[in-house]
């Protein structure tokens, strides 16, 4: 899961680094991921979601690896926002919620 999450970050890293700011970077990210999805005839979706849905509910190590993968993406977006001047405490999202897994489904829940 960590490797799959890292591949997504690597895939879009160059495009994001050359973008004109957080909004442009997010648009570029969406374009890159959309292109990959269409090129795979919609067989290659989110590399974490299928594992979350299939296995995370039955294995805490897998669930933790998925959480770490999602957190790496959240942290990358937060870094982009901070680069554009958003305060660190706001860039990471609301402090009272976090991405999580519940019975194999991604959810947001209070910390």
C-alpha atoms as a PDB file:
ATOM      1  CA  UNK A   1       0.000   0.000   0.000  1.00  0.00           C
ATOM      2  CA  UNK A   2       2.792   2.382   0.845  1.00  0.00           C
ATOM      3  CA  UNK A   3       4.457   1.628  -2.485  1.00  0.00           C
ATOM      4  CA  UNK A   4       1.190   2.128  -4.378  1.00  0.00           C
ATOM      5  CA  UNK A   5       0.615   5.455  -2.632  1.00  0.00           C
ATOM      6  CA  UNK A   6       4.206   6.497  -3.369  1.00  0.00           C
ATOM      7  CA  UNK A   7       3.793   5.591  -7.067  1.00  0.00           C
ATOM      8  CA  UNK A   8       0.807   7.923  -7.317  1.00  0.00           C
ATOM      9  CA  UNK A   9       2.804  10.730  -5.706  1.00  0.00           C
ATOM     10  CA  UNK A  10       5.783  10.056  -7.992  1.00  0.00           C
ATOM     11  CA  UNK A  11       3.572   9.934 -11.065  1.00  0.00           C
ATOM     12  CA  UNK A  12       2.188  13.383 -10.490  1.00  0.00           C
ATOM     13  CA  UNK A  13       5.205  14.887  -8.734  1.00  0.00           C
ATOM     14  CA  UNK A  14       6.843  16.480 -11.741  1.00  0.00           C
ATOM     15  CA  UNK A  15       3.604  17.942 -13.047  1.00  0.00           C
ATOM     16  CA  UNK A  16       2.685  19.279  -9.611  1.00  0.00           C
ATOM     17  CA  UNK A  17       6.144  20.753  -9.034  1.00  0.00           C
ATOM     18  CA  UNK A  18       5.924  22.765 -12.256  1.00  0.00           C
ATOM     19  CA  UNK A  19       2.374  23.975 -11.680  1.00  0.00           C
ATOM     20  CA  UNK A  20       1.533  27.547 -10.785  1.00  0.00           C
ATOM     21  CA  UNK A  21       0.087  26.937  -7.335  1.00  0.00           C
ATOM     22  CA  UNK A  22      -2.140  24.636  -5.319  1.00  0.00           C
ATOM     23  CA  UNK A  23      -5.244  25.059  -7.508  1.00  0.00           C
ATOM     24  CA  UNK A  24      -3.245  24.405 -10.664  1.00  0.00           C
ATOM     25  CA  UNK A  25      -1.506  21.439  -9.019  1.00  0.00           C
ATOM     26  CA  UNK A  26      -4.814  19.845  -8.024  1.00  0.00           C
ATOM     27  CA  UNK A  27      -6.150  20.351 -11.573  1.00  0.00           C
ATOM     28  CA  UNK A  28      -2.976  18.740 -12.939  1.00  0.00           C
ATOM     29  CA  UNK A  29      -3.318  15.853 -10.508  1.00  0.00           C
ATOM     30  CA  UNK A  30      -6.898  15.262 -11.640  1.00  0.00           C
ATOM     31  CA  UNK A  31      -5.827  15.387 -15.298  1.00  0.00           C
ATOM     32  CA  UNK A  32      -2.990  12.892 -14.776  1.00  0.00           C
ATOM     33  CA  UNK A  33      -5.174  10.462 -12.843  1.00  0.00           C
ATOM     34  CA  UNK A  34      -8.039  10.834 -15.334  1.00  0.00           C
ATOM     35  CA  UNK A  35      -5.708  10.128 -18.251  1.00  0.00           C
ATOM     36  CA  UNK A  36      -4.461   6.971 -16.540  1.00  0.00           C
ATOM     37  CA  UNK A  37      -7.995   5.835 -15.750  1.00  0.00           C
ATOM     38  CA  UNK A  38      -9.190   6.328 -19.335  1.00  0.00           C
ATOM     39  CA  UNK A  39      -6.030   4.695 -20.767  1.00  0.00           C
ATOM     40  CA  UNK A  40      -6.694   1.589 -18.658  1.00  0.00           C
ATOM     41  CA  UNK A  41     -10.313   1.462 -19.877  1.00  0.00           C
ATOM     42  CA  UNK A  42     -11.355   2.199 -16.287  1.00  0.00           C
ATOM     43  CA  UNK A  43      -9.653  -0.926 -14.887  1.00  0.00           C
ATOM     44  CA  UNK A  44      -6.948   0.957 -12.950  1.00  0.00           C
ATOM     45  CA  UNK A  45      -8.667   3.058 -10.350  1.00  0.00           C
ATOM     46  CA  UNK A  46      -7.435   4.173  -6.965  1.00  0.00           C
ATOM     47  CA  UNK A  47      -4.681   1.754  -5.920  1.00  0.00           C
ATOM     48  CA  UNK A  48      -5.794   1.941  -2.301  1.00  0.00           C
ATOM     49  CA  UNK A  49      -9.582   1.876  -2.571  1.00  0.00           C
ATOM     50  CA  UNK A  50      -9.869  -1.677  -3.882  1.00  0.00           C
ATOM     51  CA  UNK A  51      -7.663  -2.972  -1.055  1.00  0.00           C
ATOM     52  CA  UNK A  52      -9.640  -0.956   1.483  1.00  0.00           C
ATOM     53  CA  UNK A  53     -12.859  -2.469   0.193  1.00  0.00           C
ATOM     54  CA  UNK A  54     -11.512  -6.029  -0.099  1.00  0.00           C
ATOM     55  CA  UNK A  55      -9.152  -6.579   2.810  1.00  0.00           C
ATOM     56  CA  UNK A  56      -8.763  -3.710   5.272  1.00  0.00           C
ATOM     57  CA  UNK A  57     -11.709  -4.727   7.434  1.00  0.00           C
ATOM     58  CA  UNK A  58     -10.084  -8.099   8.106  1.00  0.00           C
ATOM     59  CA  UNK A  59      -6.498  -6.986   8.704  1.00  0.00           C
ATOM     60  CA  UNK A  60      -5.301  -4.168  10.931  1.00  0.00           C
ATOM     61  CA  UNK A  61      -1.832  -4.083   9.275  1.00  0.00           C
ATOM     62  CA  UNK A  62      -3.472  -3.657   5.856  1.00  0.00           C
ATOM     63  CA  UNK A  63      -5.854  -1.029   7.244  1.00  0.00           C
ATOM     64  CA  UNK A  64      -2.905   0.850   8.772  1.00  0.00           C
ATOM     65  CA  UNK A  65      -0.981   0.712   5.489  1.00  0.00           C
ATOM     66  CA  UNK A  66      -4.026   2.133   3.679  1.00  0.00           C
ATOM     67  CA  UNK A  67      -4.375   4.903   6.274  1.00  0.00           C
ATOM     68  CA  UNK A  68      -0.684   5.735   5.809  1.00  0.00           C
ATOM     69  CA  UNK A  69      -1.145   5.880   2.044  1.00  0.00           C
ATOM     70  CA  UNK A  70      -4.107   8.219   2.271  1.00  0.00           C
ATOM     71  CA  UNK A  71      -2.212  10.325   4.834  1.00  0.00           C
ATOM     72  CA  UNK A  72       0.714  10.691   2.435  1.00  0.00           C
ATOM     73  CA  UNK A  73      -1.634  12.110  -0.196  1.00  0.00           C
ATOM     74  CA  UNK A  74      -3.255  14.443   2.347  1.00  0.00           C
ATOM     75  CA  UNK A  75       0.181  15.616   3.475  1.00  0.00           C
ATOM     76  CA  UNK A  76       1.218  16.312  -0.123  1.00  0.00           C
ATOM     77  CA  UNK A  77      -1.886  18.462  -0.681  1.00  0.00           C
ATOM     78  CA  UNK A  78      -1.253  20.222   2.638  1.00  0.00           C
ATOM     79  CA  UNK A  79       2.309  21.018   1.523  1.00  0.00           C
ATOM     80  CA  UNK A  80       0.966  22.541  -1.703  1.00  0.00           C
ATOM     81  CA  UNK A  81      -1.490  24.669   0.236  1.00  0.00           C
ATOM     82  CA  UNK A  82       1.238  25.808   2.618  1.00  0.00           C
ATOM     83  CA  UNK A  83       3.441  26.700  -0.362  1.00  0.00           C
ATOM     84  CA  UNK A  84       0.599  29.015  -1.427  1.00  0.00           C
ATOM     85  CA  UNK A  85       0.492  30.647   1.996  1.00  0.00           C
ATOM     86  CA  UNK A  86      -2.216  28.642   3.791  1.00  0.00           C
ATOM     87  CA  UNK A  87      -1.385  28.247   7.475  1.00  0.00           C
ATOM     88  CA  UNK A  88      -0.188  24.753   8.427  1.00  0.00           C
ATOM     89  CA  UNK A  89      -3.026  24.248  10.913  1.00  0.00           C
ATOM     90  CA  UNK A  90      -5.577  24.888   8.139  1.00  0.00           C
ATOM     91  CA  UNK A  91      -3.778  23.160   5.275  1.00  0.00           C
ATOM     92  CA  UNK A  92      -4.055  19.681   6.793  1.00  0.00           C
ATOM     93  CA  UNK A  93      -7.831  19.808   7.085  1.00  0.00           C
ATOM     94  CA  UNK A  94     -10.110  20.003  10.102  1.00  0.00           C
ATOM     95  CA  UNK A  95      -8.450  18.849  13.306  1.00  0.00           C
ATOM     96  CA  UNK A  96     -11.565  17.057  14.533  1.00  0.00           C
ATOM     97  CA  UNK A  97     -11.809  14.599  11.617  1.00  0.00           C
ATOM     98  CA  UNK A  98      -9.476  12.162   9.912  1.00  0.00           C
ATOM     99  CA  UNK A  99      -9.656   9.700   7.080  1.00  0.00           C
ATOM    100  CA  UNK A 100     -10.318   6.241   8.400  1.00  0.00           C
ATOM    101  CA  UNK A 101     -11.587   2.811   7.584  1.00  0.00           C
ATOM    102  CA  UNK A 102     -14.759   1.232   8.908  1.00  0.00           C
ATOM    103  CA  UNK A 103     -15.659  -2.323   7.918  1.00  0.00           C
ATOM    104  CA  UNK A 104     -13.592  -1.995   4.767  1.00  0.00           C
ATOM    105  CA  UNK A 105     -15.025   1.357   3.698  1.00  0.00           C
ATOM    106  CA  UNK A 106     -13.230   4.695   3.675  1.00  0.00           C
ATOM    107  CA  UNK A 107     -14.883   7.130   6.076  1.00  0.00           C
ATOM    108  CA  UNK A 108     -14.242  10.399   7.880  1.00  0.00           C
ATOM    109  CA  UNK A 109     -14.782  10.273  11.608  1.00  0.00           C
ATOM    110  CA  UNK A 110     -13.949  12.308  14.716  1.00  0.00           C
ATOM    111  CA  UNK A 111     -10.463  11.809  16.111  1.00  0.00           C
END
